[in-house]
Amino acid sequence: MRSSNRWRQMRFSHLRRREFITLAGGAAVAWPLAARAQQPAVPAIGLLDSRSPDALADRLRGFRQGLKDTGYVEGDNITIVYRWAENQFDRLPELAAELVRRRVAVIVATAGPAVAFAAKAATTTIPIVFAVAEDPVRLGLVTSLARPGGNLTGINFLTAELVTKQLELLRELVPRAARVAVFVNPANVTYVESTIRDAEAAARAMGLQLRFLRASTSREIDTAFATFARERPDALFVGNDAFFNSRRVQFVQLAAHDRVPAIYTGREYSEIGGLMSYGASIVDVFRQMGGYAGRILKGEKPTDLPVVQASKLDLIINHQTARMLGLTVPPTLLATADEVIE
């Protein structure tokens, strides 16, 4: 009997030991799972643009640099959800709604008022960082520059305010110019109004005659240039517009074909042969937007982040194009240029 009792005690002890090992092993498996479950999810930023990504590589690098400056690296501790409208503006509302459904932490609206308003209409709670050329207060995006209010803030890259300076630079490079053709996109209503207003005021002061050419399609651009054969302007000013930027090769080639001096609003034109460009460095604007998005991810609120102006303006002169047109660039203009393309 005593032997039987000792056998039962030994068997019981063995079973308890097995149970402990099993429980311990189960805990070893469960603990990493629980630890992983407690790790915070990687936040996502939604980037909404009216164009395609093909020609925006430099700008996107600027945006990622702004994020990096605030401690965020795409693919590491941040995800970026891209939505491109491919120049189909009617797609913007649905693309903005998709980002809301994805529950992104911030929406970055990168290409003017249409994109910003699409994002604003989609959400009143998700923070939005925009970039616009016009006064955002006058547009109705924010209540004031210092205290934007609501869920929006962003960058004003001043293009609308630079029309006078751009015409002055064009006149300095082409002093004989008296008649200037000005391209505007009628689909971009707000900017058309401000461009016409500022250009007409500058023209009166400078003694220029302006001819406004409206184009919102590639064919209309071709048609407008066809009028040059009859009217022959002395110079050309291509206003700021996301669609125009997407057609910059067409503009530069047609201006070269007609041998008409032209000024544009972005360095992308001068880099492919455009005579001269003056405006905000859009790469730097994207960097500023990335910085604001990063600050919001860290806990700052859009209403506490003032709308700021673009921090860098670029004057780019394509000297090779100037020589092709028979123009002598004044030394003072060469000295003030941020870049001269030879």
Protein backbone atom coordinates (compact mmCIF):
# COMPACT_ATOMS: atom_id res chain seq x y z
CA MET A 1 0.00 0.00 0.00
CA ARG A 2 2.81 2.38 0.92
CA SER A 3 4.48 1.68 -2.44
CA SER A 4 1.23 2.42 -4.28
CA ASN A 5 0.86 5.78 -2.53
CA ARG A 6 4.44 6.76 -3.39
CA TRP A 7 3.79 5.89 -7.08
CA ARG A 8 0.68 8.07 -7.14
CA GLN A 9 2.59 11.01 -5.60
CA MET A 10 5.38 10.67 -8.16
CA ARG A 11 2.85 10.52 -11.04
CA PHE A 12 0.99 13.58 -9.70
CA SER A 13 4.26 15.51 -9.40
CA HIS A 14 5.17 14.57 -12.98
CA LEU A 15 1.80 15.76 -14.30
CA ARG A 16 2.11 19.08 -12.46
CA ARG A 17 5.56 19.57 -13.94
CA ARG A 18 4.21 18.91 -17.46
CA GLU A 19 1.36 21.36 -16.92
CA PHE A 20 3.81 24.02 -15.79
CA ILE A 21 6.02 23.53 -18.86
CA THR A 22 2.97 23.68 -21.14
CA LEU A 23 1.68 26.84 -19.49
CA ALA A 24 5.11 28.41 -19.55
CA GLY A 25 5.50 27.56 -23.24
CA GLY A 26 2.06 28.98 -24.00
CA ALA A 27 2.95 32.18 -22.16
CA ALA A 28 6.18 32.46 -24.17
CA VAL A 29 4.12 32.32 -27.37
CA ALA A 30 1.37 34.61 -26.14
CA TRP A 31 3.61 37.31 -24.70
CA PRO A 32 5.19 38.41 -28.02
CA LEU A 33 1.73 38.44 -29.61
CA ALA A 34 0.43 40.67 -26.84
CA ALA A 35 3.48 42.91 -27.10
CA ARG A 36 2.99 43.27 -30.85
CA ALA A 37 -0.68 44.07 -30.35
CA GLN A 38 0.28 46.91 -28.02
CA GLN A 39 2.65 48.55 -30.53
CA PRO A 40 1.10 51.75 -31.97
CA ALA A 41 -0.14 51.62 -35.57
CA VAL A 42 1.96 53.53 -38.12
CA PRO A 43 0.09 56.78 -38.92
CA ALA A 44 -0.91 57.53 -42.50
CA ILE A 45 -0.86 60.82 -44.39
CA GLY A 46 -3.14 61.27 -47.39
CA LEU A 47 -1.64 63.25 -50.28
CA LEU A 48 -4.23 64.58 -52.73
CA ASP A 49 -3.16 66.13 -56.05
CA SER A 50 -4.99 67.07 -59.24
CA ARG A 51 -2.12 65.94 -61.47
CA SER A 52 -0.18 62.71 -62.10
CA PRO A 53 3.00 61.80 -60.20
CA ASP A 54 5.17 61.63 -63.33
CA ALA A 55 6.59 65.16 -63.18
CA LEU A 56 6.51 65.67 -59.42
CA ALA A 57 9.54 63.66 -58.31
CA ASP A 58 11.49 66.72 -57.08
CA ARG A 59 8.46 68.10 -55.26
CA LEU A 60 7.76 64.80 -53.55
CA ARG A 61 11.38 64.66 -52.41
CA GLY A 62 10.87 68.10 -50.90
CA PHE A 63 7.72 66.87 -49.13
CA ARG A 64 9.51 63.83 -47.71
CA GLN A 65 12.37 66.06 -46.55
CA GLY A 66 9.89 68.22 -44.62
CA LEU A 67 8.54 65.10 -42.94
CA LYS A 68 12.06 63.90 -42.19
CA ASP A 69 12.90 67.25 -40.60
CA THR A 70 10.13 66.55 -38.08
CA GLY A 71 11.18 62.96 -37.47
CA TYR A 72 9.04 61.01 -39.95
CA VAL A 73 10.32 58.72 -42.71
CA GLU A 74 8.02 57.12 -45.28
CA GLY A 75 8.02 53.34 -44.93
CA ASP A 76 9.55 53.53 -41.46
CA ASN A 77 7.27 55.36 -39.04
CA ILE A 78 4.86 56.95 -41.53
CA THR A 79 2.77 55.77 -44.48
CA ILE A 80 1.75 58.09 -47.33
CA VAL A 81 -1.46 57.28 -49.20
CA TYR A 82 -1.32 58.95 -52.64
CA ARG A 83 -4.38 59.96 -54.65
CA TRP A 84 -3.86 61.48 -58.13
CA ALA A 85 -6.71 63.00 -60.18
CA GLU A 86 -4.71 62.87 -63.45
CA ASN A 87 -5.98 66.39 -64.35
CA GLN A 88 -9.60 65.22 -64.02
CA PHE A 89 -10.82 67.73 -61.47
CA ASP A 90 -14.24 66.10 -61.17
CA ARG A 91 -12.52 63.11 -59.51
CA LEU A 92 -11.21 65.18 -56.59
CA PRO A 93 -14.29 64.87 -54.31
CA GLU A 94 -14.31 61.06 -54.50
CA LEU A 95 -10.54 60.82 -54.05
CA ALA A 96 -10.80 63.05 -50.97
CA ALA A 97 -13.63 60.85 -49.65
CA GLU A 98 -11.41 57.78 -50.13
CA LEU A 99 -8.75 59.32 -47.90
CA VAL A 100 -11.35 60.04 -45.25
CA ARG A 101 -12.52 56.43 -45.38
CA ARG A 102 -8.91 55.33 -44.97
CA ARG A 103 -8.88 57.35 -41.74
CA VAL A 104 -5.63 59.09 -42.55
CA ALA A 105 -4.22 61.30 -39.79
CA VAL A 106 -3.64 64.31 -42.09
CA ILE A 107 -4.69 65.23 -45.63
CA VAL A 108 -2.16 67.25 -47.66
CA ALA A 109 -3.86 69.09 -50.55
CA THR A 110 -0.99 70.01 -52.84
CA ALA A 111 -2.24 71.67 -56.01
CA GLY A 112 -4.35 74.75 -55.51
CA PRO A 113 -7.85 75.77 -54.41
CA ALA A 114 -9.80 72.98 -56.17
CA VAL A 115 -7.86 70.33 -54.27
CA ALA A 116 -8.09 72.22 -50.99
CA PHE A 117 -11.85 72.70 -51.30
CA ALA A 118 -12.36 69.03 -52.20
CA ALA A 119 -10.54 68.04 -49.02
CA LYS A 120 -12.42 70.62 -46.95
CA ALA A 121 -15.77 69.36 -48.21
CA ALA A 122 -14.83 65.77 -47.34
CA THR A 123 -14.06 66.29 -43.64
CA THR A 124 -14.37 68.78 -40.81
CA THR A 125 -12.28 66.75 -38.37
CA ILE A 126 -9.18 65.41 -40.17
CA PRO A 127 -6.45 68.11 -40.29
CA ILE A 128 -5.75 69.48 -43.78
CA VAL A 129 -2.56 71.17 -45.00
CA PHE A 130 -3.01 73.06 -48.30
CA ALA A 131 -0.90 75.03 -50.75
CA VAL A 132 -2.56 77.81 -52.76
CA ALA A 133 -1.37 80.73 -54.86
CA GLU A 134 -4.21 83.03 -53.83
CA ASP A 135 -5.10 84.65 -50.52
CA PRO A 136 -6.72 81.75 -48.57
CA VAL A 137 -8.81 84.15 -46.49
CA ARG A 138 -10.32 85.71 -49.60
CA LEU A 139 -10.90 82.22 -50.99
CA GLY A 140 -12.78 81.24 -47.83
CA LEU A 141 -10.46 78.38 -46.85
CA VAL A 142 -9.54 79.94 -43.48
CA THR A 143 -10.87 82.77 -41.31
CA SER A 144 -7.48 84.45 -40.84
CA LEU A 145 -3.83 83.85 -41.64
CA ALA A 146 -2.66 84.02 -38.02
CA ARG A 147 -5.47 81.89 -36.58
CA PRO A 148 -6.86 79.78 -39.43
CA GLY A 149 -9.69 78.22 -37.42
CA GLY A 150 -11.28 74.87 -38.18
CA ASN A 151 -9.18 71.99 -39.48
CA LEU A 152 -7.17 73.72 -42.24
CA THR A 153 -3.85 75.52 -42.47
CA GLY A 154 -1.13 75.70 -45.10
CA ILE A 155 1.18 77.62 -47.38
CA ASN A 156 0.45 80.62 -49.60
CA PHE A 157 2.99 80.58 -52.40
CA LEU A 158 2.26 84.11 -53.51
CA THR A 159 1.92 83.55 -57.25
CA ALA A 160 -1.11 85.82 -57.53
CA GLU A 161 0.75 88.58 -55.69
CA LEU A 162 3.77 88.32 -58.02
CA VAL A 163 2.10 89.21 -61.32
CA THR A 164 3.35 92.80 -61.21
CA LYS A 165 6.93 91.73 -60.51
CA GLN A 166 6.82 89.13 -63.29
CA LEU A 167 5.71 91.72 -65.84
CA GLU A 168 8.44 94.09 -64.63
CA LEU A 169 11.08 91.38 -65.11
CA LEU A 170 9.73 90.62 -68.58
CA ARG A 171 9.92 94.30 -69.49
CA GLU A 172 13.49 94.51 -68.14
CA LEU A 173 14.56 91.60 -70.33
CA VAL A 174 12.54 92.77 -73.35
CA PRO A 175 12.52 96.59 -73.06
CA ARG A 176 10.90 97.03 -76.48
CA ALA A 177 7.85 95.02 -75.42
CA ALA A 178 4.65 97.06 -75.65
CA ARG A 179 2.03 94.36 -76.32
CA VAL A 180 1.96 91.33 -74.02
CA ALA A 181 -0.25 88.26 -74.38
CA VAL A 182 -1.34 86.81 -71.03
CA PHE A 183 -2.50 83.19 -70.77
CA VAL A 184 -5.12 82.35 -68.13
CA ASN A 185 -7.21 79.24 -67.53
CA PRO A 186 -10.94 80.11 -67.32
CA ALA A 187 -11.53 76.93 -65.30
CA ASN A 188 -9.41 78.45 -62.53
CA VAL A 189 -11.90 81.23 -61.83
CA THR A 190 -10.41 82.80 -58.71
CA TYR A 191 -6.90 83.02 -60.11
CA VAL A 192 -8.14 84.41 -63.44
CA GLU A 193 -9.85 87.27 -61.62
CA SER A 194 -6.80 88.15 -59.51
CA THR A 195 -4.39 87.80 -62.46
CA ILE A 196 -6.45 90.08 -64.69
CA ARG A 197 -6.86 92.64 -61.90
CA ASP A 198 -3.16 92.74 -60.97
CA ALA A 199 -1.91 92.56 -64.56
CA GLU A 200 -4.12 95.42 -65.72
CA ALA A 201 -2.97 97.61 -62.81
CA ALA A 202 0.68 96.86 -63.63
CA ALA A 203 0.12 97.42 -67.35
CA ARG A 204 -1.31 100.88 -66.76
CA ALA A 205 1.73 101.85 -64.69
CA MET A 206 4.16 100.42 -67.26
CA GLY A 207 2.39 101.55 -70.42
CA LEU A 208 1.74 97.99 -71.65
CA GLN A 209 -1.12 96.74 -73.79
CA LEU A 210 -2.42 93.36 -72.63
CA ARG A 211 -4.27 90.70 -74.57
CA PHE A 212 -5.76 87.96 -72.36
CA LEU A 213 -5.85 84.50 -73.92
CA ARG A 214 -8.08 81.90 -72.28
CA ALA A 215 -7.30 78.21 -72.57
CA SER A 216 -8.36 75.19 -70.54
CA THR A 217 -7.45 72.40 -73.01
CA SER A 218 -4.43 71.51 -75.10
CA ARG A 219 -6.35 72.35 -78.27
CA GLU A 220 -7.27 75.79 -76.95
CA ILE A 221 -3.59 76.47 -76.24
CA ASP A 222 -2.78 75.62 -79.87
CA THR A 223 -5.63 77.84 -81.10
CA ALA A 224 -4.45 80.77 -78.98
CA PHE A 225 -0.91 80.50 -80.36
CA ALA A 226 -2.35 80.41 -83.88
CA THR A 227 -3.58 83.98 -83.32
CA PHE A 228 0.04 85.10 -82.89
CA ALA A 229 0.48 84.95 -86.67
CA ARG A 230 -2.07 87.74 -86.98
CA GLU A 231 -1.55 89.77 -83.81
CA ARG A 232 2.13 89.10 -83.11
CA PRO A 233 2.58 90.14 -79.43
CA ASP A 234 5.98 91.39 -78.30
CA ALA A 235 6.08 89.05 -75.32
CA LEU A 236 4.13 86.38 -73.49
CA PHE A 237 3.19 85.78 -69.86
CA VAL A 238 1.87 82.32 -68.88
CA GLY A 239 -0.09 82.58 -65.64
CA ASN A 240 0.07 80.15 -62.78
CA ASP A 241 -2.14 77.09 -63.21
CA ALA A 242 -1.78 73.37 -62.48
CA PHE A 243 -3.07 72.48 -65.95
CA PHE A 244 -0.68 74.92 -67.62
CA ASN A 245 2.16 73.36 -65.68
CA SER A 246 1.19 69.93 -66.99
CA ARG A 247 1.34 71.37 -70.54
CA ARG A 248 4.63 73.23 -70.07
CA VAL A 249 6.39 71.35 -72.90
CA GLN A 250 3.65 72.48 -75.27
CA PHE A 251 3.96 76.12 -74.12
CA VAL A 252 7.76 76.20 -74.39
CA GLN A 253 7.81 74.54 -77.82
CA LEU A 254 5.13 76.84 -79.26
CA ALA A 255 6.85 79.95 -77.84
CA ALA A 256 10.14 78.79 -79.41
CA HIS A 257 8.43 78.09 -82.74
CA ASP A 258 6.91 81.59 -82.80
CA ARG A 259 10.11 83.14 -81.37
CA VAL A 260 8.19 85.04 -78.72
CA PRO A 261 9.92 85.91 -75.42
CA ALA A 262 7.99 84.49 -72.47
CA ILE A 263 8.00 84.50 -68.70
CA TYR A 264 6.51 81.68 -66.63
CA THR A 265 5.72 81.11 -62.97
CA GLY A 266 7.80 77.99 -62.25
CA ARG A 267 11.37 76.83 -62.79
CA GLU A 268 10.13 73.68 -64.56
CA TYR A 269 9.50 75.82 -67.66
CA SER A 270 13.00 77.30 -67.74
CA GLU A 271 14.59 73.90 -67.20
CA ILE A 272 13.11 72.66 -70.49
CA GLY A 273 13.91 75.77 -72.54
CA GLY A 274 11.53 78.49 -71.32
CA LEU A 275 13.16 81.93 -71.42
CA MET A 276 12.55 83.03 -67.83
CA SER A 277 10.57 82.07 -64.75
CA TYR A 278 9.91 83.81 -61.47
CA GLY A 279 7.92 82.50 -58.56
CA ALA A 280 7.93 80.54 -55.37
CA SER A 281 10.17 77.49 -55.21
CA ILE A 282 7.48 74.82 -55.31
CA VAL A 283 9.93 72.18 -54.12
CA ASP A 284 10.42 74.29 -51.00
CA VAL A 285 6.64 74.77 -50.65
CA PHE A 286 6.28 70.99 -50.60
CA ARG A 287 8.99 70.84 -47.93
CA GLN A 288 7.03 73.35 -45.86
CA MET A 289 3.86 71.25 -46.24
CA GLY A 290 5.74 68.15 -45.12
CA GLY A 291 6.96 70.04 -42.07
CA TYR A 292 3.44 71.15 -41.16
CA ALA A 293 2.09 67.61 -41.62
CA GLY A 294 4.81 66.31 -39.31
CA ARG A 295 4.04 68.91 -36.65
CA ILE A 296 0.37 67.97 -36.74
CA LEU A 297 1.28 64.29 -36.31
CA LYS A 298 3.22 65.31 -33.22
CA GLY A 299 0.07 66.83 -31.72
CA GLU A 300 -0.14 70.45 -32.91
CA LYS A 301 -3.53 71.64 -34.16
CA PRO A 302 -4.14 73.31 -37.54
CA THR A 303 -5.91 76.21 -35.86
CA ASP A 304 -2.70 76.99 -33.94
CA LEU A 305 -0.47 76.84 -37.04
CA PRO A 306 -0.62 80.12 -39.00
CA VAL A 307 -0.85 80.11 -42.78
CA VAL A 308 2.68 81.02 -43.87
CA GLN A 309 4.10 82.40 -47.09
CA ALA A 310 6.47 80.53 -49.34
CA SER A 311 9.96 80.89 -47.90
CA LYS A 312 11.92 80.93 -51.18
CA LEU A 313 11.47 82.71 -54.53
CA ASP A 314 13.40 81.69 -57.64
CA LEU A 315 14.37 83.79 -60.67
CA ILE A 316 15.62 81.43 -63.39
CA ILE A 317 16.96 82.63 -66.75
CA ASN A 318 17.67 80.33 -69.66
CA HIS A 319 20.59 82.13 -71.27
CA GLN A 320 20.70 79.73 -74.21
CA THR A 321 17.08 80.56 -75.11
CA ALA A 322 17.80 84.28 -74.74
CA ARG A 323 20.64 84.02 -77.26
CA MET A 324 18.42 82.03 -79.63
CA LEU A 325 15.87 84.87 -79.49
CA GLY A 326 18.57 87.49 -80.05
CA LEU A 327 18.14 88.97 -76.58
CA THR A 328 20.91 90.44 -74.48
CA VAL A 329 20.27 89.76 -70.81
CA PRO A 330 21.11 92.87 -68.75
CA PRO A 331 24.01 92.30 -66.31
CA THR A 332 21.81 93.45 -63.42
CA LEU A 333 19.29 90.71 -64.25
CA LEU A 334 22.02 88.07 -64.52
CA ALA A 335 23.39 89.18 -61.16
CA THR A 336 20.04 88.88 -59.38
CA ALA A 337 19.07 85.52 -60.95
CA ASP A 338 19.07 82.52 -58.63
CA GLU A 339 20.12 80.35 -61.56
CA VAL A 340 21.29 81.01 -65.12
CA ILE A 341 20.92 78.02 -67.45
CA GLU A 342 23.63 77.99 -70.10
